């Protein structure tokens, strides 16, 4: 039987993806705390995780629950208190401890897109984040959110359609991340699939150059 990798490797492999999901769901102000809470819980449960488990789906499920906790805590903080309660942020067993920055985890390109996703209605932003940012198939997104895979697909499609209206730079949906956060699945990319930010305009510019008149040399 193949053993599980050290937990530090799990953080290194999936930390950026979880951070992008947390930022898309909660916004930048609460993303670091949710990230830390996710990996604190994951660290405690990791010894009991089956070796063949989908680690990224497992982490996203934990992040989903922590995002709900953070949202509820934010509502409670609307009442002023004398002191802010201490929040554990050190992830024991991870080199450097602390939050995502201390663990060497940073956000990648399209951070502004993650911020735009934050503005979507709850189900839509969750479906978009879990499918397109975390790369989970719709069946696993449905398992996290409840409901059917088709309902998760529709929520993601509606979110992408709304995102195109509110975030013009998104000429196409964000590429669904693979198991390590890179380009991967393209399942259910939503309506009007086509060129992304850089692919859709270059042919037009090339055609314009070909059509431009040239001045003959004397």
Protein backbone atom coordinates (compact mmCIF):
# COMPACT_ATOMS: atom_id res chain seq x y z
CA UNK A 1 0.00 0.00 0.00
CA UNK A 2 1.31 3.44 -0.92
CA UNK A 3 1.62 5.71 2.10
CA UNK A 4 0.26 9.23 2.24
CA UNK A 5 2.64 12.14 1.62
CA UNK A 6 3.71 14.30 4.57
CA UNK A 7 1.19 16.99 5.46
CA UNK A 8 3.69 19.70 4.52
CA UNK A 9 3.53 18.38 0.95
CA UNK A 10 -0.26 18.57 1.02
CA UNK A 11 -0.05 22.24 1.99
CA UNK A 12 2.50 22.90 -0.75
CA UNK A 13 0.45 21.11 -3.41
CA UNK A 14 -3.01 22.45 -2.54
CA UNK A 15 -2.48 25.58 -0.45
CA UNK A 16 -2.79 28.05 -3.32
CA UNK A 17 -5.97 26.44 -4.63
CA UNK A 18 -7.59 26.51 -1.18
CA UNK A 19 -6.55 30.15 -0.74
CA UNK A 20 -8.11 31.13 -4.07
CA UNK A 21 -11.32 29.35 -3.09
CA UNK A 22 -11.38 31.07 0.31
CA UNK A 23 -10.80 34.45 -1.32
CA UNK A 24 -13.50 33.89 -3.92
CA UNK A 25 -16.05 32.86 -1.29
CA UNK A 26 -15.17 35.31 1.50
CA UNK A 27 -13.11 38.12 -0.02
CA UNK A 28 -9.52 39.06 0.87
CA UNK A 29 -10.25 40.29 4.40
CA UNK A 30 -11.25 36.87 5.76
CA UNK A 31 -9.49 34.54 3.32
CA UNK A 32 -6.30 34.06 5.36
CA UNK A 33 -8.18 33.13 8.53
CA UNK A 34 -10.37 30.65 6.65
CA UNK A 35 -7.28 29.17 4.99
CA UNK A 36 -5.55 28.72 8.35
CA UNK A 37 -8.64 27.21 9.95
CA UNK A 38 -9.03 24.83 6.99
CA UNK A 39 -5.51 23.47 7.31
CA UNK A 40 -5.66 23.32 11.10
CA UNK A 41 -8.70 21.08 10.83
CA UNK A 42 -7.15 19.12 7.98
CA UNK A 43 -3.97 18.54 9.97
CA UNK A 44 -5.95 16.99 12.83
CA UNK A 45 -7.99 14.77 10.51
CA UNK A 46 -5.22 13.85 8.08
CA UNK A 47 -4.04 10.70 9.89
CA UNK A 48 -7.50 9.15 9.42
CA UNK A 49 -7.87 10.17 5.76
CA UNK A 50 -7.78 7.13 3.45
CA UNK A 51 -4.68 6.98 1.27
CA UNK A 52 -6.77 6.92 -1.91
CA UNK A 53 -8.98 9.89 -0.97
CA UNK A 54 -9.31 12.92 -3.24
CA UNK A 55 -7.30 15.29 -1.07
CA UNK A 56 -8.27 18.45 -2.92
CA UNK A 57 -11.99 17.69 -2.74
CA UNK A 58 -11.55 16.90 0.96
CA UNK A 59 -9.79 20.23 1.56
CA UNK A 60 -12.39 22.20 -0.39
CA UNK A 61 -15.14 20.56 1.68
CA UNK A 62 -13.38 21.69 4.86
CA UNK A 63 -12.87 25.18 3.42
CA UNK A 64 -16.57 25.36 2.55
CA UNK A 65 -17.50 24.62 6.17
CA UNK A 66 -14.94 27.10 7.50
CA UNK A 67 -16.27 29.79 5.16
CA UNK A 68 -19.73 29.26 6.66
CA UNK A 69 -18.23 29.59 10.15
CA UNK A 70 -16.38 32.79 9.19
CA UNK A 71 -19.55 34.29 7.71
CA UNK A 72 -21.52 33.53 10.88
CA UNK A 73 -18.71 34.89 13.07
CA UNK A 74 -18.65 38.10 11.03
CA UNK A 75 -22.36 38.55 11.67
CA UNK A 76 -21.78 38.14 15.40
CA UNK A 77 -18.93 40.66 15.32
CA UNK A 78 -21.43 43.32 14.31
CA UNK A 79 -21.93 43.76 18.09
CA UNK A 80 -18.90 45.69 19.51
CA UNK A 81 -16.77 43.79 22.03
CA UNK A 82 -14.05 45.00 24.37
CA UNK A 83 -11.42 42.70 22.92
CA UNK A 84 -11.16 40.68 19.75
CA UNK A 85 -10.93 36.97 20.62
CA UNK A 86 -7.67 35.30 19.71
CA UNK A 87 -7.92 33.28 16.52
CA UNK A 88 -5.50 30.39 16.05
CA UNK A 89 -3.50 30.97 12.90
CA UNK A 90 -0.50 28.68 13.30
CA UNK A 91 -0.69 25.45 11.34
CA UNK A 92 1.33 23.08 13.47
CA UNK A 93 3.48 20.68 11.53
CA UNK A 94 3.79 23.00 8.54
CA UNK A 95 7.18 24.56 7.98
CA UNK A 96 7.08 28.20 9.09
CA UNK A 97 3.70 27.96 10.84
CA UNK A 98 1.38 30.93 10.57
CA UNK A 99 -1.02 31.66 7.75
CA UNK A 100 -0.68 31.11 4.01
CA UNK A 101 2.09 33.69 3.52
CA UNK A 102 4.19 32.11 6.26
CA UNK A 103 3.68 28.71 4.66
CA UNK A 104 4.91 30.02 1.32
CA UNK A 105 1.44 30.06 -0.24
CA UNK A 106 0.46 33.02 -2.37
CA UNK A 107 -2.26 33.94 -4.79
CA UNK A 108 -1.65 33.49 -8.49
CA UNK A 109 -2.79 35.49 -11.53
CA UNK A 110 -6.48 36.35 -11.73
CA UNK A 111 -6.70 37.35 -8.07
CA UNK A 112 -8.96 40.17 -9.23
CA UNK A 113 -11.19 37.56 -10.87
CA UNK A 114 -11.46 35.76 -7.51
CA UNK A 115 -12.53 39.09 -6.00
CA UNK A 116 -15.19 39.47 -8.71
CA UNK A 117 -16.50 35.98 -7.96
CA UNK A 118 -17.02 37.11 -4.35
CA UNK A 119 -19.79 39.42 -5.55
CA UNK A 120 -21.89 36.59 -7.03
CA UNK A 121 -24.88 35.11 -5.16
CA UNK A 122 -23.84 32.40 -2.69
CA UNK A 123 -24.68 29.27 -4.70
CA UNK A 124 -23.24 30.71 -7.89
CA UNK A 125 -19.95 31.81 -6.40
CA UNK A 126 -19.55 28.49 -4.59
CA UNK A 127 -20.22 26.49 -7.75
CA UNK A 128 -17.86 28.67 -9.80
CA UNK A 129 -15.12 28.59 -7.17
CA UNK A 130 -15.30 24.86 -6.49
CA UNK A 131 -15.50 23.85 -10.15
CA UNK A 132 -13.35 26.45 -11.90
CA UNK A 133 -10.85 27.38 -9.18
CA UNK A 134 -10.56 24.03 -7.39
CA UNK A 135 -11.21 21.87 -10.46
CA UNK A 136 -13.84 19.66 -8.85
CA UNK A 137 -16.30 17.87 -11.15
CA UNK A 138 -19.93 18.87 -10.72
CA UNK A 139 -20.78 15.64 -8.91
CA UNK A 140 -18.32 16.58 -6.15
CA UNK A 141 -19.49 20.19 -6.13
CA UNK A 142 -23.04 18.89 -5.62
CA UNK A 143 -21.86 16.67 -2.77
CA UNK A 144 -20.48 19.77 -1.02
CA UNK A 145 -23.38 22.12 -1.73
CA UNK A 146 -26.24 19.63 -1.69
CA UNK A 147 -28.54 18.99 -4.63
CA UNK A 148 -27.73 17.43 -7.97
CA UNK A 149 -24.79 17.71 -10.33
CA UNK A 150 -27.07 19.35 -12.88
CA UNK A 151 -28.11 21.99 -10.34
CA UNK A 152 -24.43 22.67 -9.58
CA UNK A 153 -23.73 22.93 -13.31
CA UNK A 154 -26.58 25.42 -13.77
CA UNK A 155 -25.45 27.52 -10.80
CA UNK A 156 -21.94 27.68 -12.25
CA UNK A 157 -23.27 28.58 -15.71
CA UNK A 158 -25.46 31.33 -14.24
CA UNK A 159 -22.48 32.60 -12.24
CA UNK A 160 -20.27 32.70 -15.32
CA UNK A 161 -22.95 34.54 -17.29
CA UNK A 162 -23.31 37.13 -14.52
CA UNK A 163 -19.53 37.34 -14.18
CA UNK A 164 -19.15 38.19 -17.86
CA UNK A 165 -21.52 41.11 -17.40
CA UNK A 166 -19.87 42.45 -14.23
CA UNK A 167 -16.25 41.60 -15.07
CA UNK A 168 -15.65 42.46 -18.76
CA UNK A 169 -12.08 41.13 -18.71
CA UNK A 170 -13.52 37.62 -18.40
CA UNK A 171 -14.17 37.03 -22.09
CA UNK A 172 -14.44 33.34 -21.28
CA UNK A 173 -14.88 31.34 -18.08
CA UNK A 174 -11.79 30.73 -15.94
CA UNK A 175 -10.13 27.44 -16.88
CA UNK A 176 -11.12 24.71 -14.45
CA UNK A 177 -8.12 23.91 -12.28
CA UNK A 178 -6.56 20.50 -12.29
CA UNK A 179 -5.64 18.49 -9.20
CA UNK A 180 -2.75 20.81 -8.37
CA UNK A 181 -4.38 24.10 -9.26
CA UNK A 182 -3.18 24.33 -12.86
CA UNK A 183 -5.23 24.16 -16.04
CA UNK A 184 -7.23 20.98 -16.12
CA UNK A 185 -10.87 20.03 -16.52
CA UNK A 186 -12.96 22.02 -18.94
CA UNK A 187 -16.23 20.21 -18.13
CA UNK A 188 -19.29 22.40 -18.18
CA UNK A 189 -17.49 25.58 -19.10
CA UNK A 190 -20.84 27.31 -19.43
CA UNK A 191 -22.41 29.24 -22.30
CA UNK A 192 -20.43 31.14 -24.91
CA UNK A 193 -17.29 29.12 -24.47
CA UNK A 194 -14.55 30.62 -26.52
CA UNK A 195 -11.42 32.65 -26.38
CA UNK A 196 -10.11 33.76 -23.01
CA UNK A 197 -8.49 37.05 -22.16
CA UNK A 198 -5.63 36.81 -24.61
CA UNK A 199 -6.90 34.40 -27.25
CA UNK A 200 -9.90 36.21 -28.69
CA UNK A 201 -8.37 39.48 -29.89
CA UNK A 202 -5.07 38.58 -31.52
CA UNK A 203 -6.66 37.20 -34.75
CA UNK A 204 -8.56 40.44 -35.19
CA UNK A 205 -5.40 42.50 -34.82
CA UNK A 206 -3.62 40.25 -37.30
CA UNK A 207 -6.47 40.65 -39.81
CA UNK A 208 -6.33 44.42 -39.37
CA UNK A 209 -2.62 44.41 -40.11
CA UNK A 210 -3.18 42.33 -43.26
CA UNK A 211 -5.93 44.68 -44.41
CA UNK A 212 -3.89 47.86 -43.82
CA UNK A 213 -2.77 49.55 -47.05
CA UNK A 214 0.93 49.65 -47.78
CA UNK A 215 2.82 52.41 -49.51
CA UNK A 216 4.88 51.32 -52.46
CA UNK A 217 8.49 52.35 -52.52
CA UNK A 218 9.28 55.04 -55.11
